[in-house]
PDB file of N, CA and C in Angstrom:
ATOM      1  N   UNK A   1      -0.110  12.626   4.893  1.00  0.00           N
ATOM      2  CA  UNK A   1      -1.198  11.447   4.607  1.00  0.00           C
ATOM      3  C   UNK A   1      -0.823  10.109   5.018  1.00  0.00           C
ATOM      4  N   UNK A   2      -0.728   9.127   5.896  1.00  0.00           N
ATOM      5  CA  UNK A   2      -0.946   7.649   5.652  1.00  0.00           C
ATOM      6  C   UNK A   2      -1.506   7.119   4.856  1.00  0.00           C
ATOM      7  N   UNK A   3      -1.076   6.586   4.085  1.00  0.00           N
ATOM      8  CA  UNK A   3      -1.959   5.657   3.298  1.00  0.00           C
ATOM      9  C   UNK A   3      -1.353   3.827   3.576  1.00  0.00           C
ATOM     10  N   UNK A   4      -1.934   3.064   3.638  1.00  0.00           N
ATOM     11  CA  UNK A   4      -2.098   1.679   3.780  1.00  0.00           C
ATOM     12  C   UNK A   4      -2.526   0.936   2.457  1.00  0.00           C
ATOM     13  N   UNK A   5      -1.580   0.366   1.309  1.00  0.00           N
ATOM     14  CA  UNK A   5      -1.486   0.164   0.423  1.00  0.00           C
ATOM     15  C   UNK A   5      -1.357  -1.508   0.347  1.00  0.00           C
ATOM     16  N   UNK A   6      -2.524  -2.008   0.021  1.00  0.00           N
ATOM     17  CA  UNK A   6      -2.847  -3.754   0.014  1.00  0.00           C
ATOM     18  C   UNK A   6      -2.713  -4.152  -0.957  1.00  0.00           C
ATOM     19  N   UNK A   7      -2.002  -4.984  -1.013  1.00  0.00           N
ATOM     20  CA  UNK A   7      -1.763  -5.464  -2.940  1.00  0.00           C
ATOM     21  C   UNK A   7      -1.436  -7.017  -2.418  1.00  0.00           C
ATOM     22  N   UNK A   8      -1.617  -7.759  -3.656  1.00  0.00           N
ATOM     23  CA  UNK A   8      -1.764  -8.717  -4.142  1.00  0.00           C
ATOM     24  C   UNK A   8      -1.168  -9.566  -5.405  1.00  0.00           C
ATOM     25  N   UNK A   9      -0.275  -9.894  -5.275  1.00  0.00           N
ATOM     26  CA  UNK A   9       0.696 -10.477  -6.711  1.00  0.00           C
ATOM     27  C   UNK A   9       0.368 -12.423  -7.434  1.00  0.00           C
ATOM     28  N   UNK A  10      -0.510 -12.282  -8.366  1.00  0.00           N
ATOM     29  CA  UNK A  10      -0.927 -13.212  -9.158  1.00  0.00           C
ATOM     30  C   UNK A  10       0.517 -13.560  -9.397  1.00  0.00           C
ATOM     31  N   UNK A  11       0.432 -15.598  -9.106  1.00  0.00           N
ATOM     32  CA  UNK A  11       0.909 -16.236  -9.171  1.00  0.00           C
ATOM     33  C   UNK A  11       2.093 -16.036 -10.653  1.00  0.00           C
ATOM     34  N   UNK A  12       1.396 -15.946 -11.731  1.00  0.00           N
ATOM     35  CA  UNK A  12       2.105 -14.931 -12.749  1.00  0.00           C
ATOM     36  C   UNK A  12       1.845 -13.488 -13.297  1.00  0.00           C
ATOM     37  N   UNK A  13       2.424 -12.875 -13.431  1.00  0.00           N
ATOM     38  CA  UNK A  13       4.125 -13.327 -13.738  1.00  0.00           C
ATOM     39  C   UNK A  13       5.104 -13.221 -12.525  1.00  0.00           C
ATOM     40  N   UNK A  14       4.613 -13.513 -11.030  1.00  0.00           N
ATOM     41  CA  UNK A  14       5.701 -13.421 -10.016  1.00  0.00           C
ATOM     42  C   UNK A  14       6.082 -14.606 -10.373  1.00  0.00           C
ATOM     43  N   UNK A  15       6.004 -15.949 -10.625  1.00  0.00           N
ATOM     44  CA  UNK A  15       6.560 -17.160 -10.681  1.00  0.00           C
ATOM     45  C   UNK A  15       7.502 -17.055 -11.097  1.00  0.00           C
ATOM     46  N   UNK A  16       7.428 -16.556 -12.534  1.00  0.00           N
ATOM     47  CA  UNK A  16       8.527 -16.499 -13.829  1.00  0.00           C
ATOM     48  C   UNK A  16       9.454 -15.414 -13.385  1.00  0.00           C
ATOM     49  N   UNK A  17       9.271 -14.133 -12.950  1.00  0.00           N
ATOM     50  CA  UNK A  17      10.357 -13.192 -12.089  1.00  0.00           C
ATOM     51  C   UNK A  17      11.094 -13.867 -11.461  1.00  0.00           C
ATOM     52  N   UNK A  18      10.517 -14.704 -10.478  1.00  0.00           N
ATOM     53  CA  UNK A  18      11.137 -15.355  -9.055  1.00  0.00           C
ATOM     54  C   UNK A  18      12.337 -16.641 -10.047  1.00  0.00           C
ATOM     55  N   UNK A  19      11.485 -17.139 -11.203  1.00  0.00           N
ATOM     56  CA  UNK A  19      12.970 -18.253 -10.922  1.00  0.00           C
ATOM     57  C   UNK A  19      14.107 -17.449 -12.196  1.00  0.00           C
ATOM     58  N   UNK A  20      13.645 -16.393 -12.853  1.00  0.00           N
ATOM     59  CA  UNK A  20      14.302 -15.624 -13.297  1.00  0.00           C
ATOM     60  C   UNK A  20      15.681 -14.855 -12.627  1.00  0.00           C
ATOM     61  N   UNK A  21      15.512 -14.778 -11.091  1.00  0.00           N
ATOM     62  CA  UNK A  21      15.950 -13.900 -10.338  1.00  0.00           C
ATOM     63  C   UNK A  21      15.596 -12.179 -10.139  1.00  0.00           C
ATOM     64  N   UNK A  22      14.560 -11.663 -11.316  1.00  0.00           N
ATOM     65  CA  UNK A  22      13.794 -10.607 -11.307  1.00  0.00           C
ATOM     66  C   UNK A  22      13.056 -10.185 -10.123  1.00  0.00           C
ATOM     67  N   UNK A  23      12.347 -10.762  -9.428  1.00  0.00           N
ATOM     68  CA  UNK A  23      11.323 -10.543  -8.476  1.00  0.00           C
ATOM     69  C   UNK A  23      11.780  -9.722  -7.335  1.00  0.00           C
ATOM     70  N   UNK A  24      12.922  -9.992  -6.681  1.00  0.00           N
ATOM     71  CA  UNK A  24      13.933  -9.825  -5.612  1.00  0.00           C
ATOM     72  C   UNK A  24      14.035  -8.638  -5.519  1.00  0.00           C
ATOM     73  N   UNK A  25      15.053  -8.059  -7.205  1.00  0.00           N
ATOM     74  CA  UNK A  25      15.000  -7.015  -7.219  1.00  0.00           C
ATOM     75  C   UNK A  25      14.201  -5.573  -7.594  1.00  0.00           C
ATOM     76  N   UNK A  26      12.911  -6.471  -8.379  1.00  0.00           N
ATOM     77  CA  UNK A  26      11.338  -5.626  -8.283  1.00  0.00           C
ATOM     78  C   UNK A  26      11.274  -5.097  -7.365  1.00  0.00           C
ATOM     79  N   UNK A  27      11.080  -5.760  -6.472  1.00  0.00           N
ATOM     80  CA  UNK A  27      10.615  -5.501  -4.562  1.00  0.00           C
ATOM     81  C   UNK A  27      11.547  -4.675  -3.968  1.00  0.00           C
ATOM     82  N   UNK A  28      12.804  -4.943  -3.748  1.00  0.00           N
ATOM     83  CA  UNK A  28      13.551  -3.997  -3.692  1.00  0.00           C
ATOM     84  C   UNK A  28      13.182  -2.406  -4.175  1.00  0.00           C
ATOM     85  N   UNK A  29      13.608  -2.343  -5.242  1.00  0.00           N
ATOM     86  CA  UNK A  29      13.531  -1.448  -5.921  1.00  0.00           C
ATOM     87  C   UNK A  29      12.024  -0.350  -5.661  1.00  0.00           C
ATOM     88  N   UNK A  30      11.379  -1.380  -5.599  1.00  0.00           N
ATOM     89  CA  UNK A  30       9.877  -0.717  -5.308  1.00  0.00           C
ATOM     90  C   UNK A  30       9.327   0.181  -3.909  1.00  0.00           C
ATOM     91  N   UNK A  31      10.443  -0.889  -3.203  1.00  0.00           N
ATOM     92  CA  UNK A  31      10.664  -0.189  -1.512  1.00  0.00           C
ATOM     93  C   UNK A  31      11.440   0.646  -1.666  1.00  0.00           C
ATOM     94  N   UNK A  32      12.381   0.651  -2.005  1.00  0.00           N
ATOM     95  CA  UNK A  32      13.192   1.623  -2.189  1.00  0.00           C
ATOM     96  C   UNK A  32      12.410   3.142  -2.859  1.00  0.00           C
ATOM     97  N   UNK A  33      11.477   2.886  -3.826  1.00  0.00           N
ATOM     98  CA  UNK A  33      10.666   4.284  -4.218  1.00  0.00           C
ATOM     99  C   UNK A  33       9.542   4.882  -3.309  1.00  0.00           C
ATOM    100  N   UNK A  34       9.033   4.169  -2.850  1.00  0.00           N
ATOM    101  CA  UNK A  34       8.175   4.181  -1.768  1.00  0.00           C
ATOM    102  C   UNK A  34       8.626   4.617  -0.496  1.00  0.00           C
ATOM    103  N   UNK A  35       9.516   4.194   0.211  1.00  0.00           N
ATOM    104  CA  UNK A  35       9.856   4.423   1.177  1.00  0.00           C
ATOM    105  C   UNK A  35       8.889   4.035   2.553  1.00  0.00           C
ATOM    106  N   UNK A  36       8.694   2.501   2.624  1.00  0.00           N
ATOM    107  CA  UNK A  36       7.220   2.136   3.558  1.00  0.00           C
ATOM    108  C   UNK A  36       7.982   3.009   4.884  1.00  0.00           C
ATOM    109  N   UNK A  37       6.758   3.178   5.958  1.00  0.00           N
ATOM    110  CA  UNK A  37       7.217   3.616   7.031  1.00  0.00           C
ATOM    111  C   UNK A  37       6.911   2.063   7.864  1.00  0.00           C
ATOM    112  N   UNK A  38       6.158   1.338   7.307  1.00  0.00           N
ATOM    113  CA  UNK A  38       6.012  -0.204   7.985  1.00  0.00           C
ATOM    114  C   UNK A  38       5.804  -1.296   6.604  1.00  0.00           C
ATOM    115  N   UNK A  39       6.467  -2.752   6.300  1.00  0.00           N
ATOM    116  CA  UNK A  39       6.087  -3.470   5.730  1.00  0.00           C
ATOM    117  C   UNK A  39       5.799  -4.659   5.758  1.00  0.00           C
ATOM    118  N   UNK A  40       4.673  -5.282   5.410  1.00  0.00           N
ATOM    119  CA  UNK A  40       4.547  -7.098   5.931  1.00  0.00           C
ATOM    120  C   UNK A  40       4.225  -7.323   4.397  1.00  0.00           C
ATOM    121  N   UNK A  41       4.931  -8.954   4.621  1.00  0.00           N
ATOM    122  CA  UNK A  41       3.881  -9.827   3.195  1.00  0.00           C
ATOM    123  C   UNK A  41       3.868 -10.890   4.028  1.00  0.00           C
ATOM    124  N   UNK A  42       2.548 -11.429   3.160  1.00  0.00           N
ATOM    125  CA  UNK A  42       1.500 -12.828   3.233  1.00  0.00           C
ATOM    126  C   UNK A  42       1.609 -13.213   2.217  1.00  0.00           C
ATOM    127  N   UNK A  43       0.263 -14.217   2.458  1.00  0.00           N
ATOM    128  CA  UNK A  43      -0.839 -15.039   1.562  1.00  0.00           C
ATOM    129  C   UNK A  43      -1.990 -14.450   1.160  1.00  0.00           C
ATOM    130  N   UNK A  44      -2.762 -13.452   0.945  1.00  0.00           N
ATOM    131  CA  UNK A  44      -3.535 -12.813   1.084  1.00  0.00           C
ATOM    132  C   UNK A  44      -4.144 -13.695  -0.145  1.00  0.00           C
ATOM    133  N   UNK A  45      -5.806 -14.599   0.339  1.00  0.00           N
ATOM    134  CA  UNK A  45      -6.680 -14.791  -1.344  1.00  0.00           C
ATOM    135  C   UNK A  45      -5.172 -16.658  -1.931  1.00  0.00           C
ATOM    136  N   UNK A  46      -4.093 -17.171  -1.235  1.00  0.00           N
ATOM    137  CA  UNK A  46      -4.129 -18.086  -1.629  1.00  0.00           C
ATOM    138  C   UNK A  46      -2.591 -17.299  -2.598  1.00  0.00           C
ATOM    139  N   UNK A  47      -2.464 -16.213  -2.574  1.00  0.00           N
ATOM    140  CA  UNK A  47      -1.328 -15.675  -3.398  1.00  0.00           C
ATOM    141  C   UNK A  47      -0.433 -14.756  -2.736  1.00  0.00           C
ATOM    142  N   UNK A  48       0.630 -14.308  -3.437  1.00  0.00           N
ATOM    143  CA  UNK A  48       1.549 -13.551  -2.826  1.00  0.00           C
ATOM    144  C   UNK A  48       1.266 -12.007  -2.841  1.00  0.00           C
ATOM    145  N   UNK A  49       1.490 -11.712  -1.269  1.00  0.00           N
ATOM    146  CA  UNK A  49       1.093 -10.233  -1.246  1.00  0.00           C
ATOM    147  C   UNK A  49       1.266  -9.508   0.035  1.00  0.00           C
ATOM    148  N   UNK A  50       0.909  -8.679   0.427  1.00  0.00           N
ATOM    149  CA  UNK A  50       1.065  -7.778   2.029  1.00  0.00           C
ATOM    150  C   UNK A  50       0.201  -6.290   1.916  1.00  0.00           C
ATOM    151  N   UNK A  51       1.258  -5.997   2.475  1.00  0.00           N
ATOM    152  CA  UNK A  51       0.620  -3.883   2.602  1.00  0.00           C
ATOM    153  C   UNK A  51       2.005  -3.379   3.424  1.00  0.00           C
ATOM    154  N   UNK A  52       2.004  -2.314   2.693  1.00  0.00           N
ATOM    155  CA  UNK A  52       3.064  -1.200   3.267  1.00  0.00           C
ATOM    156  C   UNK A  52       2.116  -0.133   3.868  1.00  0.00           C
ATOM    157  N   UNK A  53       2.669   0.185   4.696  1.00  0.00           N
ATOM    158  CA  UNK A  53       2.336   1.945   4.923  1.00  0.00           C
ATOM    159  C   UNK A  53       3.033   2.919   4.300  1.00  0.00           C
ATOM    160  N   UNK A  54       2.328   3.662   3.541  1.00  0.00           N
ATOM    161  CA  UNK A  54       3.354   5.205   2.818  1.00  0.00           C
ATOM    162  C   UNK A  54       2.847   6.497   3.253  1.00  0.00           C
ATOM    163  N   UNK A  55       3.713   7.636   3.479  1.00  0.00           N
ATOM    164  CA  UNK A  55       3.304   8.775   3.534  1.00  0.00           C
ATOM    165  C   UNK A  55       3.468   9.524   2.436  1.00  0.00           C
ATOM    166  N   UNK A  56       2.442  10.110   1.721  1.00  0.00           N
ATOM    167  CA  UNK A  56       1.899  10.519   0.793  1.00  0.00           C
ATOM    168  C   UNK A  56       1.406  12.434   1.353  1.00  0.00           C
ATOM    169  N   UNK A  57       1.378  12.846   0.126  1.00  0.00           N
ATOM    170  CA  UNK A  57       0.898  14.603   0.188  1.00  0.00           C
ATOM    171  C   UNK A  57      -0.431  14.501   0.116  1.00  0.00           C
ATOM    172  N   UNK A  58      -0.504  14.463  -0.836  1.00  0.00           N
ATOM    173  CA  UNK A  58      -2.270  14.723  -1.280  1.00  0.00           C
ATOM    174  C   UNK A  58      -2.811  13.337  -2.471  1.00  0.00           C
ATOM    175  N   UNK A  59      -3.716  13.369  -2.202  1.00  0.00           N
ATOM    176  CA  UNK A  59      -4.036  11.805  -3.126  1.00  0.00           C
ATOM    177  C   UNK A  59      -3.650  11.428  -4.052  1.00  0.00           C
ATOM    178  N   UNK A  60      -3.113  13.109  -4.852  1.00  0.00           N
ATOM    179  CA  UNK A  60      -2.749  12.683  -6.972  1.00  0.00           C
ATOM    180  C   UNK A  60      -1.624  12.027  -6.293  1.00  0.00           C
ATOM    181  N   UNK A  61      -1.249  11.352  -5.461  1.00  0.00           N
ATOM    182  CA  UNK A  61      -0.207  10.575  -5.488  1.00  0.00           C
ATOM    183  C   UNK A  61      -0.283   9.519  -5.428  1.00  0.00           C
ATOM    184  N   UNK A  62      -1.226   9.165  -5.007  1.00  0.00           N
ATOM    185  CA  UNK A  62      -1.833   7.241  -5.098  1.00  0.00           C
ATOM    186  C   UNK A  62      -1.432   6.852  -6.760  1.00  0.00           C
ATOM    187  N   UNK A  63      -1.318   7.209  -7.786  1.00  0.00           N
ATOM    188  CA  UNK A  63      -0.883   6.664  -8.825  1.00  0.00           C
ATOM    189  C   UNK A  63       0.578   6.238  -8.727  1.00  0.00           C
ATOM    190  N   UNK A  64       1.394   7.180  -8.429  1.00  0.00           N
ATOM    191  CA  UNK A  64       2.988   7.294  -8.139  1.00  0.00           C
ATOM    192  C   UNK A  64       3.063   5.698  -6.860  1.00  0.00           C
ATOM    193  N   UNK A  65       2.310   5.679  -5.625  1.00  0.00           N
ATOM    194  CA  UNK A  65       2.324   3.969  -5.364  1.00  0.00           C
ATOM    195  C   UNK A  65       1.794   3.266  -5.611  1.00  0.00           C
ATOM    196  N   UNK A  66       1.267   2.944  -6.709  1.00  0.00           N
ATOM    197  CA  UNK A  66       0.357   1.839  -6.559  1.00  0.00           C
ATOM    198  C   UNK A  66       0.513   1.331  -8.131  1.00  0.00           C
ATOM    199  N   UNK A  67       1.191   2.172  -8.863  1.00  0.00           N
ATOM    200  CA  UNK A  67       1.469   1.980 -10.832  1.00  0.00           C
ATOM    201  C   UNK A  67       2.722   0.681 -10.465  1.00  0.00           C
ATOM    202  N   UNK A  68       3.512   1.179  -9.600  1.00  0.00           N
ATOM    203  CA  UNK A  68       4.728   0.747  -9.349  1.00  0.00           C
ATOM    204  C   UNK A  68       4.538  -1.525  -9.098  1.00  0.00           C
ATOM    205  N   UNK A  69       3.479  -1.263  -8.629  1.00  0.00           N
ATOM    206  CA  UNK A  69       2.969  -2.889  -8.423  1.00  0.00           C
ATOM    207  C   UNK A  69       2.064  -3.134  -9.691  1.00  0.00           C
ATOM    208  N   UNK A  70       1.082  -2.309 -10.664  1.00  0.00           N
ATOM    209  CA  UNK A  70       0.838  -2.835 -11.076  1.00  0.00           C
ATOM    210  C   UNK A  70       1.598  -3.409 -12.545  1.00  0.00           C
ATOM    211  N   UNK A  71       2.477  -2.247 -13.090  1.00  0.00           N
ATOM    212  CA  UNK A  71       3.156  -2.817 -13.821  1.00  0.00           C
ATOM    213  C   UNK A  71       4.279  -3.929 -13.989  1.00  0.00           C
ATOM    214  N   UNK A  72       5.041  -3.553 -12.729  1.00  0.00           N
ATOM    215  CA  UNK A  72       5.908  -4.860 -12.285  1.00  0.00           C
ATOM    216  C   UNK A  72       5.419  -6.354 -12.351  1.00  0.00           C
ATOM    217  N   UNK A  73       3.805  -6.215 -11.536  1.00  0.00           N
ATOM    218  CA  UNK A  73       3.657  -7.808 -11.136  1.00  0.00           C
ATOM    219  C   UNK A  73       1.823  -7.757 -11.502  1.00  0.00           C
ATOM    220  N   UNK A  74       1.427  -6.735 -12.046  1.00  0.00           N
ATOM    221  CA  UNK A  74       0.003  -7.019 -12.255  1.00  0.00           C
ATOM    222  C   UNK A  74      -0.606  -7.185 -11.344  1.00  0.00           C
ATOM    223  N   UNK A  75      -0.400  -6.717  -9.920  1.00  0.00           N
ATOM    224  CA  UNK A  75      -0.979  -6.941  -8.703  1.00  0.00           C
ATOM    225  C   UNK A  75      -2.248  -6.026  -8.975  1.00  0.00           C
ATOM    226  N   UNK A  76      -3.239  -6.308  -7.958  1.00  0.00           N
ATOM    227  CA  UNK A  76      -4.088  -5.687  -7.476  1.00  0.00           C
ATOM    228  C   UNK A  76      -4.027  -4.908  -6.088  1.00  0.00           C
ATOM    229  N   UNK A  77      -4.589  -3.756  -6.535  1.00  0.00           N
ATOM    230  CA  UNK A  77      -4.229  -3.155  -4.990  1.00  0.00           C
ATOM    231  C   UNK A  77      -5.532  -2.422  -4.778  1.00  0.00           C
ATOM    232  N   UNK A  78      -4.879  -1.988  -3.007  1.00  0.00           N
ATOM    233  CA  UNK A  78      -7.113  -1.536  -2.143  1.00  0.00           C
ATOM    234  C   UNK A  78      -5.846  -0.699  -1.274  1.00  0.00           C
ATOM    235  N   UNK A  79      -5.841   0.652  -1.550  1.00  0.00           N
ATOM    236  CA  UNK A  79      -6.087   1.979  -0.624  1.00  0.00           C
ATOM    237  C   UNK A  79      -6.797   2.309   0.710  1.00  0.00           C
ATOM    238  N   UNK A  80      -6.451   2.581   1.251  1.00  0.00           N
ATOM    239  CA  UNK A  80      -7.203   2.826   2.293  1.00  0.00           C
ATOM    240  C   UNK A  80      -6.237   4.539   3.011  1.00  0.00           C
ATOM    241  N   UNK A  81      -6.840   5.619   3.717  1.00  0.00           N
ATOM    242  CA  UNK A  81      -6.309   6.226   4.315  1.00  0.00           C
ATOM    243  C   UNK A  81      -6.617   6.549   5.729  1.00  0.00           C
ATOM    244  N   UNK A  82      -5.170   6.261   6.432  1.00  0.00           N
ATOM    245  CA  UNK A  82      -5.072   5.911   7.922  1.00  0.00           C
ATOM    246  C   UNK A  82      -4.912   7.330   8.663  1.00  0.00           C
ATOM    247  N   UNK A  83      -4.963   6.796  10.230  1.00  0.00           N
ATOM    248  CA  UNK A  83      -5.088   7.848  10.729  1.00  0.00           C
ATOM    249  C   UNK A  83      -4.797   7.530  12.474  1.00  0.00           C
ATOM    250  N   UNK A  84      -3.628   8.206  12.382  1.00  0.00           N
ATOM    251  CA  UNK A  84      -2.592   7.475  14.014  1.00  0.00           C
ATOM    252  C   UNK A  84      -3.880   8.411  15.327  1.00  0.00           C
ATOM    253  N   UNK A  85      -3.572   7.926  16.276  1.00  0.00           N
ATOM    254  CA  UNK A  85      -4.328   8.556  17.416  1.00  0.00           C
ATOM    255  C   UNK A  85      -4.549  10.032  17.301  1.00  0.00           C
ATOM    256  N   UNK A  86      -3.445  10.507  17.115  1.00  0.00           N
ATOM    257  CA  UNK A  86      -3.013  11.883  17.231  1.00  0.00           C
ATOM    258  C   UNK A  86      -4.425  12.876  15.912  1.00  0.00           C
ATOM    259  N   UNK A  87      -4.108  12.062  15.577  1.00  0.00           N
ATOM    260  CA  UNK A  87      -5.298  12.194  13.466  1.00  0.00           C
ATOM    261  C   UNK A  87      -6.468  12.571  14.443  1.00  0.00           C
ATOM    262  N   UNK A  88      -7.036  11.623  14.980  1.00  0.00           N
ATOM    263  CA  UNK A  88      -8.115  11.811  15.496  1.00  0.00           C
ATOM    264  C   UNK A  88      -8.386  12.372  16.182  1.00  0.00           C
ATOM    265  N   UNK A  89      -7.454  12.833  17.790  1.00  0.00           N
ATOM    266  CA  UNK A  89      -7.623  13.723  17.919  1.00  0.00           C
ATOM    267  C   UNK A  89      -8.610  14.641  17.497  1.00  0.00           C
ATOM    268  N   UNK A  90      -7.700  15.302  16.514  1.00  0.00           N
ATOM    269  CA  UNK A  90      -7.895  16.663  15.733  1.00  0.00           C
ATOM    270  C   UNK A  90      -9.197  16.605  14.925  1.00  0.00           C
ATOM    271  N   UNK A  91      -9.894  15.603  14.987  1.00  0.00           N
ATOM    272  CA  UNK A  91     -11.127  16.124  14.101  1.00  0.00           C
ATOM    273  C   UNK A  91     -12.155  16.387  14.244  1.00  0.00           C
ATOM    274  N   UNK A  92     -12.340  16.347  15.871  1.00  0.00           N
ATOM    275  CA  UNK A  92     -13.364  17.464  15.930  1.00  0.00           C
ATOM    276  C   UNK A  92     -14.461  16.786  16.040  1.00  0.00           C
ATOM    277  N   UNK A  93     -14.301  15.618  16.805  1.00  0.00           N
ATOM    278  CA  UNK A  93     -15.250  14.196  17.058  1.00  0.00           C
ATOM    279  C   UNK A  93     -16.827  15.264  17.429  1.00  0.00           C
ATOM    280  N   UNK A  94     -16.589  15.961  18.665  1.00  0.00           N
ATOM    281  CA  UNK A  94     -17.060  16.644  19.546  1.00  0.00           C
ATOM    282  C   UNK A  94     -18.288  17.080  18.626  1.00  0.00           C
ATOM    283  N   UNK A  95     -17.695  18.109  18.179  1.00  0.00           N
ATOM    284  CA  UNK A  95     -18.380  19.189  17.115  1.00  0.00           C
ATOM    285  C   UNK A  95     -19.093  18.536  16.460  1.00  0.00           C
ATOM    286  N   UNK A  96     -18.454  17.496  15.740  1.00  0.00           N
ATOM    287  CA  UNK A  96     -19.557  16.962  14.537  1.00  0.00           C
ATOM    288  C   UNK A  96     -21.020  16.172  14.903  1.00  0.00           C
ATOM    289  N   UNK A  97     -19.987  16.160  16.827  1.00  0.00           N
ATOM    290  CA  UNK A  97     -21.220  14.902  16.957  1.00  0.00           C
ATOM    291  C   UNK A  97     -22.892  15.791  17.405  1.00  0.00           C
ATOM    292  N   UNK A  98     -22.424  17.188  17.759  1.00  0.00           N
ATOM    293  CA  UNK A  98     -23.139  18.050  18.020  1.00  0.00           C
ATOM    294  C   UNK A  98     -24.124  18.393  17.289  1.00  0.00           C
ATOM    295  N   UNK A  99     -23.509  18.880  16.157  1.00  0.00           N
ATOM    296  CA  UNK A  99     -23.830  19.719  14.647  1.00  0.00           C
ATOM    297  C   UNK A  99     -24.759  18.158  13.902  1.00  0.00           C
ATOM    298  N   UNK A 100     -24.193  17.010  14.015  1.00  0.00           N
ATOM    299  CA  UNK A 100     -25.443  15.509  13.866  1.00  0.00           C
ATOM    300  C   UNK A 100     -25.667  14.932  14.231  1.00  0.00           C
ATOM    301  N   UNK A 101     -25.524  14.629  15.096  1.00  0.00           N
ATOM    302  CA  UNK A 101     -26.013  13.734  16.582  1.00  0.00           C
ATOM    303  C   UNK A 101     -27.022  14.470  16.836  1.00  0.00           C
TER     304      UNK A 101
END
């Protein structure tokens, strides 16, 4: 299942890690661990952050994708399960509509 992982990295400890040359290697290590399908970096709410799309087999794996950012950067995390058009086509919306509409 695809999950979007939105994250915000507070100014500290990121600035200190950046000055010490540790921020880049930490981000790279997290990217290598999570193997995101896509990753984008931007400045949400005036701080550093971004989003990654990662594939997991079940919800019990959410801590394994969130904790590296929590532990390394004191990040704020938001996750959402994603569907591609093929997933939506398999959802049975017509039957759901007939049953509940």
